[in-house]
N, C-alpha and C. Protein backbone atom coordinates (compact mmCIF):
# COMPACT_ATOMS: atom_id res chain seq x y z
N MET A 1 -15.58 -18.38 4.60
CA MET A 1 -16.76 -17.64 4.99
C MET A 1 -16.54 -16.87 6.30
N GLU A 2 -15.46 -17.17 7.00
CA GLU A 2 -15.17 -16.40 8.21
C GLU A 2 -14.74 -14.98 7.88
N LYS A 3 -14.11 -14.77 6.71
CA LYS A 3 -13.59 -13.46 6.33
C LYS A 3 -14.51 -12.69 5.39
N TYR A 4 -15.33 -13.38 4.59
CA TYR A 4 -16.10 -12.73 3.54
C TYR A 4 -17.56 -13.13 3.63
N LYS A 5 -18.44 -12.21 3.20
CA LYS A 5 -19.88 -12.50 3.15
C LYS A 5 -20.24 -13.27 1.89
N GLY A 6 -19.30 -13.32 0.93
CA GLY A 6 -19.54 -14.05 -0.31
C GLY A 6 -18.24 -14.60 -0.88
N VAL A 7 -18.33 -15.83 -1.39
CA VAL A 7 -17.18 -16.49 -2.01
C VAL A 7 -17.68 -17.19 -3.27
N THR A 8 -16.91 -17.07 -4.35
CA THR A 8 -17.26 -17.73 -5.60
C THR A 8 -16.00 -18.34 -6.19
N ILE A 9 -16.17 -19.12 -7.23
CA ILE A 9 -15.02 -19.65 -7.95
C ILE A 9 -15.07 -19.12 -9.38
N GLY A 10 -13.90 -19.09 -10.01
CA GLY A 10 -13.83 -18.61 -11.38
C GLY A 10 -12.50 -18.94 -11.99
N VAL A 11 -12.40 -18.68 -13.28
CA VAL A 11 -11.15 -18.86 -14.00
C VAL A 11 -10.80 -17.53 -14.66
N LYS A 12 -9.50 -17.26 -14.73
CA LYS A 12 -9.07 -16.03 -15.38
C LYS A 12 -9.40 -16.10 -16.86
N SER A 13 -9.83 -14.97 -17.40
CA SER A 13 -10.18 -14.90 -18.81
C SER A 13 -8.95 -15.10 -19.69
N LYS A 14 -9.10 -15.92 -20.69
CA LYS A 14 -8.05 -16.10 -21.69
C LYS A 14 -8.28 -15.15 -22.87
N ASP A 15 -9.45 -14.52 -22.88
CA ASP A 15 -9.82 -13.62 -23.96
C ASP A 15 -9.73 -12.17 -23.50
N THR A 16 -9.59 -11.28 -24.44
CA THR A 16 -9.69 -9.86 -24.15
C THR A 16 -11.17 -9.53 -24.02
N VAL A 17 -11.52 -8.79 -22.98
CA VAL A 17 -12.92 -8.45 -22.73
C VAL A 17 -13.10 -6.95 -22.91
N LYS A 18 -14.06 -6.58 -23.74
CA LYS A 18 -14.38 -5.18 -24.01
C LYS A 18 -15.69 -4.81 -23.32
N ILE A 19 -15.74 -3.64 -22.72
CA ILE A 19 -16.96 -3.10 -22.15
C ILE A 19 -17.48 -2.07 -23.16
N THR A 20 -18.77 -2.18 -23.52
CA THR A 20 -19.34 -1.26 -24.51
C THR A 20 -20.53 -0.51 -23.93
N ASP A 21 -20.97 0.50 -24.68
CA ASP A 21 -22.23 1.15 -24.35
C ASP A 21 -23.36 0.38 -25.03
N ASP A 22 -24.58 0.91 -24.98
CA ASP A 22 -25.73 0.21 -25.56
C ASP A 22 -25.71 0.17 -27.09
N HIS A 23 -24.77 0.91 -27.71
CA HIS A 23 -24.66 0.93 -29.17
C HIS A 23 -23.43 0.15 -29.65
N GLN A 24 -22.86 -0.68 -28.77
CA GLN A 24 -21.70 -1.51 -29.07
C GLN A 24 -20.45 -0.69 -29.40
N ILE A 25 -20.35 0.49 -28.82
CA ILE A 25 -19.15 1.30 -28.93
C ILE A 25 -18.28 0.98 -27.72
N VAL A 26 -17.02 0.62 -27.96
CA VAL A 26 -16.13 0.21 -26.87
C VAL A 26 -15.85 1.40 -25.95
N LEU A 27 -16.06 1.17 -24.67
CA LEU A 27 -15.76 2.17 -23.65
C LEU A 27 -14.43 1.90 -22.97
N GLU A 28 -14.15 0.62 -22.78
CA GLU A 28 -12.89 0.26 -22.14
C GLU A 28 -12.58 -1.21 -22.36
N THR A 29 -11.34 -1.57 -22.08
CA THR A 29 -10.88 -2.94 -22.16
C THR A 29 -10.41 -3.34 -20.77
N THR A 30 -10.86 -4.51 -20.32
CA THR A 30 -10.46 -4.95 -18.99
C THR A 30 -9.01 -5.41 -19.00
N LYS A 31 -8.40 -5.35 -17.84
CA LYS A 31 -7.05 -5.88 -17.67
C LYS A 31 -7.20 -7.40 -17.53
N ARG A 32 -6.67 -8.14 -18.47
CA ARG A 32 -6.89 -9.58 -18.52
C ARG A 32 -6.53 -10.28 -17.21
N SER A 33 -5.44 -9.86 -16.58
CA SER A 33 -5.02 -10.53 -15.34
C SER A 33 -6.01 -10.32 -14.20
N ASN A 34 -6.90 -9.34 -14.34
CA ASN A 34 -7.91 -9.07 -13.31
C ASN A 34 -9.32 -9.41 -13.78
N THR A 35 -9.45 -10.08 -14.92
CA THR A 35 -10.76 -10.41 -15.47
C THR A 35 -11.02 -11.90 -15.27
N TRP A 36 -12.13 -12.19 -14.61
CA TRP A 36 -12.47 -13.57 -14.25
C TRP A 36 -13.80 -13.97 -14.86
N LEU A 37 -13.91 -15.24 -15.23
CA LEU A 37 -15.16 -15.83 -15.67
C LEU A 37 -15.70 -16.63 -14.48
N ILE A 38 -16.83 -16.21 -13.99
CA ILE A 38 -17.35 -16.76 -12.73
C ILE A 38 -18.08 -18.08 -12.97
N GLN A 39 -17.86 -18.99 -12.05
CA GLN A 39 -18.46 -20.32 -12.12
C GLN A 39 -19.35 -20.54 -10.89
N THR A 40 -19.89 -21.71 -10.79
CA THR A 40 -20.61 -22.13 -9.60
C THR A 40 -19.90 -23.35 -9.05
N PRO A 41 -20.02 -23.62 -7.77
CA PRO A 41 -20.96 -23.02 -6.82
C PRO A 41 -20.45 -21.69 -6.27
N GLN A 42 -21.38 -20.96 -5.66
CA GLN A 42 -21.09 -19.74 -4.94
C GLN A 42 -21.61 -19.93 -3.51
N CYS A 43 -21.01 -19.22 -2.57
CA CYS A 43 -21.40 -19.37 -1.17
C CYS A 43 -21.55 -17.99 -0.55
N PHE A 44 -22.62 -17.79 0.23
CA PHE A 44 -22.91 -16.48 0.79
C PHE A 44 -23.42 -16.59 2.22
N ASP A 45 -23.20 -15.51 2.96
CA ASP A 45 -23.86 -15.35 4.25
C ASP A 45 -25.35 -15.21 3.95
N ARG A 46 -26.15 -16.09 4.49
CA ARG A 46 -27.56 -16.19 4.14
C ARG A 46 -28.33 -14.90 4.40
N VAL A 47 -28.16 -14.33 5.59
CA VAL A 47 -28.90 -13.12 5.95
C VAL A 47 -28.53 -11.96 5.01
N THR A 48 -27.24 -11.79 4.75
CA THR A 48 -26.78 -10.72 3.86
C THR A 48 -27.37 -10.89 2.47
N LEU A 49 -27.34 -12.11 1.96
CA LEU A 49 -27.84 -12.36 0.61
C LEU A 49 -29.35 -12.14 0.52
N LEU A 50 -30.11 -12.63 1.49
CA LEU A 50 -31.57 -12.46 1.45
C LEU A 50 -31.96 -10.99 1.52
N LYS A 51 -31.29 -10.21 2.36
CA LYS A 51 -31.58 -8.78 2.43
C LYS A 51 -31.31 -8.09 1.10
N ALA A 52 -30.21 -8.46 0.47
CA ALA A 52 -29.87 -7.86 -0.82
C ALA A 52 -30.88 -8.26 -1.90
N HIS A 53 -31.35 -9.51 -1.87
CA HIS A 53 -32.37 -9.94 -2.83
C HIS A 53 -33.63 -9.10 -2.67
N GLU A 54 -34.04 -8.85 -1.45
CA GLU A 54 -35.23 -8.03 -1.21
C GLU A 54 -35.02 -6.60 -1.70
N LYS A 55 -33.87 -6.03 -1.41
CA LYS A 55 -33.60 -4.64 -1.76
C LYS A 55 -33.51 -4.42 -3.26
N TYR A 56 -32.94 -5.38 -3.99
CA TYR A 56 -32.69 -5.21 -5.42
C TYR A 56 -33.57 -6.11 -6.28
N GLU A 57 -34.73 -6.50 -5.79
CA GLU A 57 -35.57 -7.45 -6.51
C GLU A 57 -36.03 -6.95 -7.88
N ASP A 58 -36.07 -5.64 -8.09
CA ASP A 58 -36.53 -5.11 -9.37
C ASP A 58 -35.39 -4.75 -10.32
N GLU A 59 -34.16 -5.05 -9.95
CA GLU A 59 -33.02 -4.71 -10.79
C GLU A 59 -32.51 -5.94 -11.53
N GLU A 60 -31.87 -5.70 -12.67
CA GLU A 60 -31.28 -6.80 -13.43
C GLU A 60 -30.01 -7.26 -12.74
N VAL A 61 -30.01 -8.51 -12.33
CA VAL A 61 -28.86 -9.11 -11.64
C VAL A 61 -28.58 -10.44 -12.30
N THR A 62 -27.31 -10.67 -12.68
CA THR A 62 -26.99 -11.91 -13.38
C THR A 62 -26.42 -12.98 -12.47
N ASP A 63 -25.96 -12.59 -11.28
CA ASP A 63 -25.57 -13.60 -10.30
C ASP A 63 -25.63 -12.98 -8.91
N ASP A 64 -25.63 -13.83 -7.90
CA ASP A 64 -25.78 -13.36 -6.53
C ASP A 64 -24.60 -12.51 -6.06
N CYS A 65 -23.43 -12.71 -6.65
CA CYS A 65 -22.28 -11.87 -6.28
C CYS A 65 -22.60 -10.39 -6.51
N MET A 66 -23.31 -10.09 -7.59
CA MET A 66 -23.65 -8.70 -7.90
C MET A 66 -24.42 -8.05 -6.77
N LEU A 67 -25.27 -8.81 -6.10
CA LEU A 67 -26.05 -8.26 -5.00
C LEU A 67 -25.14 -7.81 -3.85
N LEU A 68 -24.16 -8.63 -3.53
CA LEU A 68 -23.23 -8.24 -2.48
C LEU A 68 -22.36 -7.07 -2.92
N GLU A 69 -21.96 -7.05 -4.19
CA GLU A 69 -21.17 -5.94 -4.72
C GLU A 69 -21.93 -4.63 -4.58
N LYS A 70 -23.24 -4.64 -4.87
CA LYS A 70 -24.06 -3.44 -4.76
C LYS A 70 -24.07 -2.89 -3.33
N GLU A 71 -23.90 -3.78 -2.37
CA GLU A 71 -23.89 -3.38 -0.96
C GLU A 71 -22.47 -3.16 -0.44
N HIS A 72 -21.50 -3.17 -1.35
CA HIS A 72 -20.08 -2.95 -1.01
C HIS A 72 -19.52 -4.01 -0.07
N ASN A 73 -20.04 -5.22 -0.20
CA ASN A 73 -19.49 -6.37 0.52
C ASN A 73 -18.48 -7.06 -0.38
N PRO A 74 -17.23 -7.19 0.04
CA PRO A 74 -16.24 -7.86 -0.79
C PRO A 74 -16.62 -9.32 -1.05
N VAL A 75 -16.43 -9.74 -2.29
CA VAL A 75 -16.66 -11.13 -2.67
C VAL A 75 -15.30 -11.71 -3.06
N LYS A 76 -14.92 -12.78 -2.42
CA LYS A 76 -13.64 -13.44 -2.68
C LYS A 76 -13.80 -14.42 -3.84
N ILE A 77 -12.85 -14.39 -4.78
CA ILE A 77 -12.83 -15.37 -5.88
C ILE A 77 -11.72 -16.37 -5.63
N LEU A 78 -12.07 -17.64 -5.68
CA LEU A 78 -11.10 -18.72 -5.60
C LEU A 78 -10.92 -19.31 -6.99
N GLU A 79 -9.71 -19.77 -7.29
CA GLU A 79 -9.41 -20.34 -8.60
C GLU A 79 -10.26 -21.57 -8.86
N GLY A 80 -11.00 -21.54 -9.97
CA GLY A 80 -11.81 -22.67 -10.38
C GLY A 80 -11.06 -23.53 -11.38
N ASP A 81 -11.81 -24.17 -12.26
CA ASP A 81 -11.23 -25.09 -13.22
C ASP A 81 -11.98 -24.96 -14.54
N ASP A 82 -11.24 -24.92 -15.64
CA ASP A 82 -11.86 -24.81 -16.97
C ASP A 82 -12.82 -25.94 -17.28
N THR A 83 -12.67 -27.09 -16.63
CA THR A 83 -13.55 -28.22 -16.91
C THR A 83 -14.88 -28.11 -16.17
N ASN A 84 -15.03 -27.12 -15.30
CA ASN A 84 -16.30 -26.89 -14.59
C ASN A 84 -17.23 -26.12 -15.52
N ARG A 85 -17.99 -26.85 -16.31
CA ARG A 85 -18.85 -26.24 -17.32
C ARG A 85 -20.21 -25.87 -16.74
N LYS A 86 -20.65 -24.67 -17.09
CA LYS A 86 -21.94 -24.17 -16.63
C LYS A 86 -22.89 -24.17 -17.82
N ILE A 87 -24.09 -24.64 -17.62
CA ILE A 87 -25.09 -24.65 -18.69
C ILE A 87 -26.07 -23.52 -18.40
N THR A 88 -25.95 -22.46 -19.22
CA THR A 88 -26.79 -21.28 -19.04
C THR A 88 -27.71 -21.07 -20.24
N THR A 89 -27.22 -21.36 -21.42
CA THR A 89 -27.98 -21.10 -22.65
C THR A 89 -28.28 -22.42 -23.37
N PRO A 90 -29.22 -22.39 -24.31
CA PRO A 90 -29.47 -23.60 -25.12
C PRO A 90 -28.21 -24.07 -25.85
N GLU A 91 -27.36 -23.12 -26.26
CA GLU A 91 -26.12 -23.49 -26.93
C GLU A 91 -25.19 -24.26 -25.99
N ASP A 92 -25.14 -23.83 -24.74
CA ASP A 92 -24.33 -24.55 -23.74
C ASP A 92 -24.83 -25.98 -23.60
N PHE A 93 -26.14 -26.14 -23.56
CA PHE A 93 -26.73 -27.47 -23.41
C PHE A 93 -26.36 -28.36 -24.60
N GLU A 94 -26.44 -27.81 -25.81
CA GLU A 94 -26.09 -28.59 -27.00
C GLU A 94 -24.61 -28.97 -26.99
N MET A 95 -23.74 -28.05 -26.60
CA MET A 95 -22.31 -28.35 -26.54
C MET A 95 -22.03 -29.46 -25.52
N MET A 96 -22.73 -29.42 -24.39
CA MET A 96 -22.53 -30.46 -23.38
C MET A 96 -23.03 -31.80 -23.87
N LYS A 97 -24.17 -31.83 -24.57
CA LYS A 97 -24.68 -33.07 -25.14
C LYS A 97 -23.65 -33.65 -26.11
N ASN A 98 -23.09 -32.80 -26.95
CA ASN A 98 -22.08 -33.27 -27.92
C ASN A 98 -20.83 -33.78 -27.20
N PHE A 99 -20.42 -33.10 -26.17
CA PHE A 99 -19.25 -33.49 -25.40
C PHE A 99 -19.46 -34.86 -24.76
N LEU A 100 -20.65 -35.10 -24.23
CA LEU A 100 -20.93 -36.34 -23.51
C LEU A 100 -21.19 -37.52 -24.47
N SER A 101 -21.49 -37.25 -25.73
CA SER A 101 -21.81 -38.36 -26.65
C SER A 101 -20.58 -38.95 -27.30
């Protein structure tokens, strides 16, 4: 946190990731070695993050890193672990229940 206003963890994508338009037409393919799946926890400079939340409160944001990116603040990614499972959707919850049973 001494060098960056935001730090997160993630794992490199094992899959090919395609970026599409709103009609599912492929616009580009990410470079796999530079494509990360972001995990939690994330850590941010509090003042920077709160200001960004206020400024972008009406925009679609899927994680706090995006807020710092919009303000051109570099976000550092540290290597995470595939076993760090995030529960975001009902399907994730069901998979975790099955895993734990």
